[in-house]
């Protein structure tokens, strides 16, 4: 776990991206959207009826680390890190090969 000025960050997993975009939504709402149409219509913004968020990754397809931020032992945020150092990029390419 890394400690930063605002809180503690912990790597909680990775998200694989094959479309160059990532969507954040409650799984119970997945059947309320048409992924093809609604994601394209809402790119880099909020899905209809505030059902979720869709955004381009800036780095295209890949496997990206997800960090949880904790303040006073309470979850404050989740962060998907799209920009990587060359060392990190090699590690994630290796991870992607393992999942193929």
C-alpha atoms as a PDB file:
ATOM      1  CA  UNK A   1       0.000   0.000   0.000  1.00  0.00           C
ATOM      2  CA  UNK A   2       1.325   3.445  -0.943  1.00  0.00           C
ATOM      3  CA  UNK A   3       0.705   6.446   1.294  1.00  0.00           C
ATOM      4  CA  UNK A   4       0.108   9.766  -0.454  1.00  0.00           C
ATOM      5  CA  UNK A   5      -0.818  13.154   0.950  1.00  0.00           C
ATOM      6  CA  UNK A   6      -4.550  12.565   0.563  1.00  0.00           C
ATOM      7  CA  UNK A   7      -4.776   8.987   1.763  1.00  0.00           C
ATOM      8  CA  UNK A   8      -3.618   5.416   1.308  1.00  0.00           C
ATOM      9  CA  UNK A   9      -3.771   3.809  -2.126  1.00  0.00           C
ATOM     10  CA  UNK A  10      -3.981   0.076  -2.652  1.00  0.00           C
ATOM     11  CA  UNK A  11      -3.860  -1.817  -5.921  1.00  0.00           C
ATOM     12  CA  UNK A  12      -7.179  -3.701  -5.983  1.00  0.00           C
ATOM     13  CA  UNK A  13      -7.020  -5.242  -9.454  1.00  0.00           C
ATOM     14  CA  UNK A  14      -6.868  -4.577 -13.164  1.00  0.00           C
ATOM     15  CA  UNK A  15      -9.394  -3.756 -15.876  1.00  0.00           C
ATOM     16  CA  UNK A  16      -8.956  -5.141 -19.379  1.00  0.00           C
ATOM     17  CA  UNK A  17      -9.950  -2.882 -22.267  1.00  0.00           C
ATOM     18  CA  UNK A  18     -10.499  -4.103 -25.840  1.00  0.00           C
ATOM     19  CA  UNK A  19     -12.573  -1.194 -27.177  1.00  0.00           C
ATOM     20  CA  UNK A  20     -10.391   1.754 -26.159  1.00  0.00           C
ATOM     21  CA  UNK A  21     -13.107   2.791 -23.692  1.00  0.00           C
ATOM     22  CA  UNK A  22     -14.038   1.919 -20.150  1.00  0.00           C
ATOM     23  CA  UNK A  23     -17.528   1.984 -18.613  1.00  0.00           C
ATOM     24  CA  UNK A  24     -18.311   2.318 -14.908  1.00  0.00           C
ATOM     25  CA  UNK A  25     -21.824   1.310 -13.875  1.00  0.00           C
ATOM     26  CA  UNK A  26     -23.796  -0.680 -11.350  1.00  0.00           C
ATOM     27  CA  UNK A  27     -24.199  -4.224 -12.741  1.00  0.00           C
ATOM     28  CA  UNK A  28     -27.935  -4.040 -11.982  1.00  0.00           C
ATOM     29  CA  UNK A  29     -28.196  -1.278 -14.589  1.00  0.00           C
ATOM     30  CA  UNK A  30     -26.416  -3.150 -17.372  1.00  0.00           C
ATOM     31  CA  UNK A  31     -29.695  -4.325 -18.924  1.00  0.00           C
ATOM     32  CA  UNK A  32     -31.002  -0.733 -19.019  1.00  0.00           C
ATOM     33  CA  UNK A  33     -28.490   0.437 -21.625  1.00  0.00           C
ATOM     34  CA  UNK A  34     -27.641  -0.479 -25.181  1.00  0.00           C
ATOM     35  CA  UNK A  35     -23.851  -0.721 -24.967  1.00  0.00           C
ATOM     36  CA  UNK A  36     -23.215  -0.050 -28.645  1.00  0.00           C
ATOM     37  CA  UNK A  37     -25.519   2.972 -28.977  1.00  0.00           C
ATOM     38  CA  UNK A  38     -25.443   4.500 -25.503  1.00  0.00           C
ATOM     39  CA  UNK A  39     -21.694   4.211 -25.035  1.00  0.00           C
ATOM     40  CA  UNK A  40     -21.022   5.877 -28.390  1.00  0.00           C
ATOM     41  CA  UNK A  41     -23.594   8.606 -27.667  1.00  0.00           C
ATOM     42  CA  UNK A  42     -22.085   9.307 -24.234  1.00  0.00           C
ATOM     43  CA  UNK A  43     -18.358   8.921 -24.952  1.00  0.00           C
ATOM     44  CA  UNK A  44     -16.323  10.813 -22.349  1.00  0.00           C
ATOM     45  CA  UNK A  45     -19.353  11.583 -20.239  1.00  0.00           C
ATOM     46  CA  UNK A  46     -22.382  10.334 -18.353  1.00  0.00           C
ATOM     47  CA  UNK A  47     -24.633   7.580 -19.676  1.00  0.00           C
ATOM     48  CA  UNK A  48     -28.351   8.317 -20.020  1.00  0.00           C
ATOM     49  CA  UNK A  49     -30.289   8.696 -16.775  1.00  0.00           C
ATOM     50  CA  UNK A  50     -27.000   8.823 -14.826  1.00  0.00           C
ATOM     51  CA  UNK A  51     -26.649   5.041 -15.168  1.00  0.00           C
ATOM     52  CA  UNK A  52     -22.873   5.223 -15.478  1.00  0.00           C
ATOM     53  CA  UNK A  53     -19.820   6.879 -16.958  1.00  0.00           C
ATOM     54  CA  UNK A  54     -18.016   6.058 -20.210  1.00  0.00           C
ATOM     55  CA  UNK A  55     -14.589   7.369 -21.169  1.00  0.00           C
ATOM     56  CA  UNK A  56     -11.828   6.732 -23.681  1.00  0.00           C
ATOM     57  CA  UNK A  57      -8.655   5.343 -22.116  1.00  0.00           C
ATOM     58  CA  UNK A  58      -6.194   7.770 -23.771  1.00  0.00           C
ATOM     59  CA  UNK A  59      -3.832   4.817 -24.288  1.00  0.00           C
ATOM     60  CA  UNK A  60      -6.153   2.523 -26.246  1.00  0.00           C
ATOM     61  CA  UNK A  61      -6.535  -1.157 -25.480  1.00  0.00           C
ATOM     62  CA  UNK A  62      -4.678  -2.810 -22.640  1.00  0.00           C
ATOM     63  CA  UNK A  63      -4.813  -3.946 -19.046  1.00  0.00           C
ATOM     64  CA  UNK A  64      -4.846  -1.067 -16.576  1.00  0.00           C
ATOM     65  CA  UNK A  65      -4.316  -1.033 -12.792  1.00  0.00           C
ATOM     66  CA  UNK A  66      -7.160   0.017 -10.492  1.00  0.00           C
ATOM     67  CA  UNK A  67      -6.342   1.633  -7.147  1.00  0.00           C
ATOM     68  CA  UNK A  68      -8.594   2.210  -4.157  1.00  0.00           C
ATOM     69  CA  UNK A  69      -7.978   5.298  -2.041  1.00  0.00           C
ATOM     70  CA  UNK A  70      -8.690   5.021   1.660  1.00  0.00           C
ATOM     71  CA  UNK A  71      -8.985   7.920   4.098  1.00  0.00           C
ATOM     72  CA  UNK A  72      -9.496   7.005   7.750  1.00  0.00           C
ATOM     73  CA  UNK A  73      -9.990   3.384   6.590  1.00  0.00           C
ATOM     74  CA  UNK A  74     -12.996   4.392   4.447  1.00  0.00           C
ATOM     75  CA  UNK A  75     -13.045   3.902   0.682  1.00  0.00           C
ATOM     76  CA  UNK A  76     -12.937   7.357  -0.914  1.00  0.00           C
ATOM     77  CA  UNK A  77     -12.280   6.660  -4.594  1.00  0.00           C
ATOM     78  CA  UNK A  78     -11.322   4.175  -7.261  1.00  0.00           C
ATOM     79  CA  UNK A  79      -8.748   5.237  -9.832  1.00  0.00           C
ATOM     80  CA  UNK A  80      -7.918   3.570 -13.127  1.00  0.00           C
ATOM     81  CA  UNK A  81      -4.409   4.520 -14.159  1.00  0.00           C
ATOM     82  CA  UNK A  82      -4.078   4.745 -17.954  1.00  0.00           C
ATOM     83  CA  UNK A  83      -0.643   6.371 -18.257  1.00  0.00           C
ATOM     84  CA  UNK A  84       2.234   4.056 -17.479  1.00  0.00           C
ATOM     85  CA  UNK A  85       5.983   4.328 -17.218  1.00  0.00           C
ATOM     86  CA  UNK A  86       7.921   2.157 -19.717  1.00  0.00           C
ATOM     87  CA  UNK A  87       8.612  -0.351 -16.925  1.00  0.00           C
ATOM     88  CA  UNK A  88       4.937  -0.560 -15.988  1.00  0.00           C
ATOM     89  CA  UNK A  89       3.911  -0.871 -19.634  1.00  0.00           C
ATOM     90  CA  UNK A  90       6.142  -3.932 -20.076  1.00  0.00           C
ATOM     91  CA  UNK A  91       4.679  -5.511 -16.933  1.00  0.00           C
ATOM     92  CA  UNK A  92       1.125  -4.998 -18.168  1.00  0.00           C
ATOM     93  CA  UNK A  93       1.964  -6.370 -21.627  1.00  0.00           C
ATOM     94  CA  UNK A  94       3.272  -9.485 -19.884  1.00  0.00           C
ATOM     95  CA  UNK A  95       0.094  -9.662 -17.782  1.00  0.00           C
ATOM     96  CA  UNK A  96      -2.046  -9.323 -20.915  1.00  0.00           C
ATOM     97  CA  UNK A  97      -0.221 -12.243 -22.563  1.00  0.00           C
ATOM     98  CA  UNK A  98      -1.045 -14.420 -19.535  1.00  0.00           C
ATOM     99  CA  UNK A  99      -4.779 -13.700 -19.949  1.00  0.00           C
ATOM    100  CA  UNK A 100      -5.000 -14.565 -23.655  1.00  0.00           C
END
